[in-house]
């Protein structure tokens, strides 16, 4: 998802007839990627984890 989003942002900042995006396009693509990364990190901290069937929690020495 991140690569597709970055490519879409860079495409938006590529003027018609040019081969490369503007410098601002790279800034926006980088900021967008960083925002997705932070959102993913926050969601991984907030959402509860899953346990497989038969998983047990050890609380003492093995």
N, C-alpha and C. Protein backbone atom coordinates (compact mmCIF):
# COMPACT_ATOMS: atom_id res chain seq x y z
N UNK A 1 0.82 -1.18 0.00
CA UNK A 1 0.00 0.00 0.00
C UNK A 1 0.87 1.25 0.00
N UNK A 2 1.95 1.24 0.75
CA UNK A 2 2.80 2.42 0.83
C UNK A 2 3.43 2.78 -0.49
N UNK A 3 3.88 1.78 -1.24
CA UNK A 3 4.52 2.05 -2.52
C UNK A 3 3.53 2.60 -3.53
N UNK A 4 2.33 2.06 -3.52
CA UNK A 4 1.30 2.54 -4.45
C UNK A 4 0.93 3.98 -4.11
N UNK A 5 0.81 4.28 -2.84
CA UNK A 5 0.46 5.63 -2.42
C UNK A 5 1.57 6.61 -2.79
N UNK A 6 2.82 6.23 -2.58
CA UNK A 6 3.94 7.09 -2.95
C UNK A 6 3.98 7.33 -4.46
N UNK A 7 3.75 6.27 -5.23
CA UNK A 7 3.74 6.41 -6.69
C UNK A 7 2.62 7.35 -7.15
N UNK A 8 1.46 7.24 -6.51
CA UNK A 8 0.34 8.10 -6.88
C UNK A 8 0.64 9.56 -6.56
N UNK A 9 1.26 9.81 -5.41
CA UNK A 9 1.62 11.18 -5.04
C UNK A 9 2.66 11.73 -6.01
N UNK A 10 3.66 10.93 -6.33
CA UNK A 10 4.69 11.40 -7.26
C UNK A 10 4.11 11.67 -8.64
N UNK A 11 3.15 10.84 -9.05
CA UNK A 11 2.50 11.07 -10.35
C UNK A 11 1.74 12.39 -10.36
N UNK A 12 1.10 12.71 -9.24
CA UNK A 12 0.37 13.97 -9.15
C UNK A 12 1.30 15.18 -9.27
N UNK A 13 2.53 15.02 -8.81
CA UNK A 13 3.48 16.13 -8.83
C UNK A 13 4.43 16.08 -10.03
N UNK A 14 4.12 15.27 -11.02
CA UNK A 14 4.92 15.24 -12.25
C UNK A 14 4.21 16.06 -13.31
N UNK A 15 4.81 17.19 -13.70
CA UNK A 15 4.18 18.03 -14.73
C UNK A 15 4.05 17.28 -16.06
N UNK A 16 3.03 17.59 -16.80
CA UNK A 16 2.80 16.96 -18.10
C UNK A 16 4.00 17.18 -19.01
N UNK A 17 4.50 16.10 -19.59
CA UNK A 17 5.64 16.19 -20.49
C UNK A 17 6.99 16.02 -19.82
N UNK A 18 7.03 16.08 -18.48
CA UNK A 18 8.29 15.90 -17.75
C UNK A 18 8.45 14.44 -17.35
N UNK A 19 9.70 14.02 -17.19
CA UNK A 19 9.98 12.65 -16.80
C UNK A 19 10.02 12.48 -15.28
N UNK A 20 10.33 13.55 -14.57
CA UNK A 20 10.49 13.47 -13.12
C UNK A 20 9.54 14.41 -12.39
N UNK A 21 9.14 14.02 -11.17
CA UNK A 21 8.29 14.89 -10.36
C UNK A 21 9.08 16.10 -9.85
N UNK A 22 8.35 17.08 -9.37
CA UNK A 22 8.98 18.25 -8.76
C UNK A 22 9.55 17.87 -7.39
N UNK A 23 10.38 18.73 -6.86
CA UNK A 23 10.94 18.48 -5.53
C UNK A 23 9.87 18.41 -4.46
N UNK A 24 8.85 19.23 -4.61
CA UNK A 24 7.73 19.21 -3.65
C UNK A 24 7.03 17.85 -3.65
N UNK A 25 7.00 17.19 -4.79
CA UNK A 25 6.39 15.86 -4.86
C UNK A 25 7.10 14.85 -3.98
N UNK A 26 8.43 14.93 -3.96
CA UNK A 26 9.18 14.02 -3.10
C UNK A 26 8.97 14.33 -1.63
N UNK A 27 8.84 15.60 -1.31
CA UNK A 27 8.57 16.00 0.08
C UNK A 27 7.21 15.46 0.52
N UNK A 28 6.20 15.65 -0.31
CA UNK A 28 4.85 15.19 0.03
C UNK A 28 4.80 13.66 0.10
N UNK A 29 5.47 12.98 -0.82
CA UNK A 29 5.49 11.51 -0.81
C UNK A 29 6.17 11.00 0.46
N UNK A 30 7.26 11.63 0.86
CA UNK A 30 7.96 11.24 2.08
C UNK A 30 7.11 11.47 3.32
N UNK A 31 6.46 12.62 3.37
CA UNK A 31 5.59 12.93 4.52
C UNK A 31 4.40 11.98 4.58
N UNK A 32 3.85 11.63 3.44
CA UNK A 32 2.73 10.69 3.39
C UNK A 32 3.18 9.32 3.87
N UNK A 33 4.34 8.88 3.41
CA UNK A 33 4.86 7.59 3.86
C UNK A 33 5.12 7.56 5.36
N UNK A 34 5.67 8.65 5.89
CA UNK A 34 5.92 8.73 7.33
C UNK A 34 4.61 8.71 8.12
N UNK A 35 3.59 9.39 7.61
CA UNK A 35 2.29 9.41 8.29
C UNK A 35 1.67 8.01 8.32
N UNK A 36 1.78 7.28 7.22
CA UNK A 36 1.26 5.91 7.18
C UNK A 36 2.03 5.04 8.16
N UNK A 37 3.34 5.21 8.23
CA UNK A 37 4.17 4.44 9.15
C UNK A 37 3.77 4.71 10.60
N UNK A 38 3.58 5.97 10.96
CA UNK A 38 3.19 6.33 12.32
C UNK A 38 1.80 5.78 12.64
N UNK A 39 0.87 5.89 11.72
CA UNK A 39 -0.48 5.36 11.94
C UNK A 39 -0.45 3.86 12.15
N UNK A 40 0.36 3.16 11.37
CA UNK A 40 0.48 1.71 11.52
C UNK A 40 1.07 1.35 12.88
N UNK A 41 2.10 2.08 13.29
CA UNK A 41 2.71 1.83 14.60
C UNK A 41 1.72 2.06 15.73
N UNK A 42 0.97 3.15 15.65
CA UNK A 42 -0.02 3.44 16.70
C UNK A 42 -1.12 2.38 16.75
N UNK A 43 -1.58 1.96 15.58
CA UNK A 43 -2.61 0.92 15.55
C UNK A 43 -2.10 -0.39 16.13
N UNK A 44 -0.85 -0.72 15.88
CA UNK A 44 -0.31 -1.97 16.41
C UNK A 44 -0.19 -1.93 17.93
N UNK A 45 -0.05 -0.75 18.49
CA UNK A 45 0.00 -0.62 19.94
C UNK A 45 -1.39 -0.63 20.57
N UNK A 46 -2.38 -0.13 19.86
CA UNK A 46 -3.72 0.03 20.41
C UNK A 46 -4.57 -1.23 20.25
N UNK A 47 -4.47 -1.88 19.10
CA UNK A 47 -5.31 -3.04 18.84
C UNK A 47 -4.87 -4.24 19.68
N UNK A 48 -5.83 -5.00 20.18
CA UNK A 48 -5.46 -6.17 20.98
C UNK A 48 -4.83 -7.25 20.12
N UNK A 49 -3.94 -8.02 20.73
CA UNK A 49 -3.28 -9.11 20.01
C UNK A 49 -4.19 -10.33 19.94
N UNK A 50 -3.76 -11.29 19.14
CA UNK A 50 -4.51 -12.54 19.01
C UNK A 50 -3.69 -13.67 19.59
N UNK A 51 -4.37 -14.65 20.10
CA UNK A 51 -3.71 -15.86 20.56
C UNK A 51 -4.28 -17.03 19.80
N UNK A 52 -3.40 -17.93 19.44
CA UNK A 52 -3.84 -19.12 18.74
C UNK A 52 -4.56 -20.08 19.67
N UNK A 53 -5.15 -21.09 19.10
CA UNK A 53 -5.84 -22.10 19.91
C UNK A 53 -4.85 -22.81 20.82
N UNK A 54 -5.24 -22.99 22.03
CA UNK A 54 -4.41 -23.75 22.97
C UNK A 54 -3.22 -22.97 23.49
N UNK A 55 -3.15 -21.71 23.22
CA UNK A 55 -2.02 -20.92 23.71
C UNK A 55 -2.19 -20.72 25.20
N UNK A 56 -1.11 -20.88 25.91
CA UNK A 56 -1.16 -20.67 27.35
C UNK A 56 -0.13 -19.63 27.74
N UNK A 57 -0.38 -19.00 28.87
CA UNK A 57 0.52 -17.99 29.37
C UNK A 57 1.31 -18.58 30.51
N UNK A 58 2.62 -18.53 30.40
CA UNK A 58 3.46 -19.03 31.49
C UNK A 58 3.79 -17.88 32.42
N UNK A 59 3.57 -18.12 33.71
CA UNK A 59 3.84 -17.07 34.67
C UNK A 59 4.97 -17.42 35.60
N UNK A 60 5.43 -18.66 35.59
CA UNK A 60 6.51 -19.07 36.48
C UNK A 60 7.69 -19.61 35.71
N UNK A 61 8.67 -20.14 36.43
CA UNK A 61 9.83 -20.72 35.76
C UNK A 61 9.44 -21.92 34.91
N UNK A 62 10.19 -22.15 33.86
CA UNK A 62 9.87 -23.24 32.94
C UNK A 62 10.24 -24.58 33.50
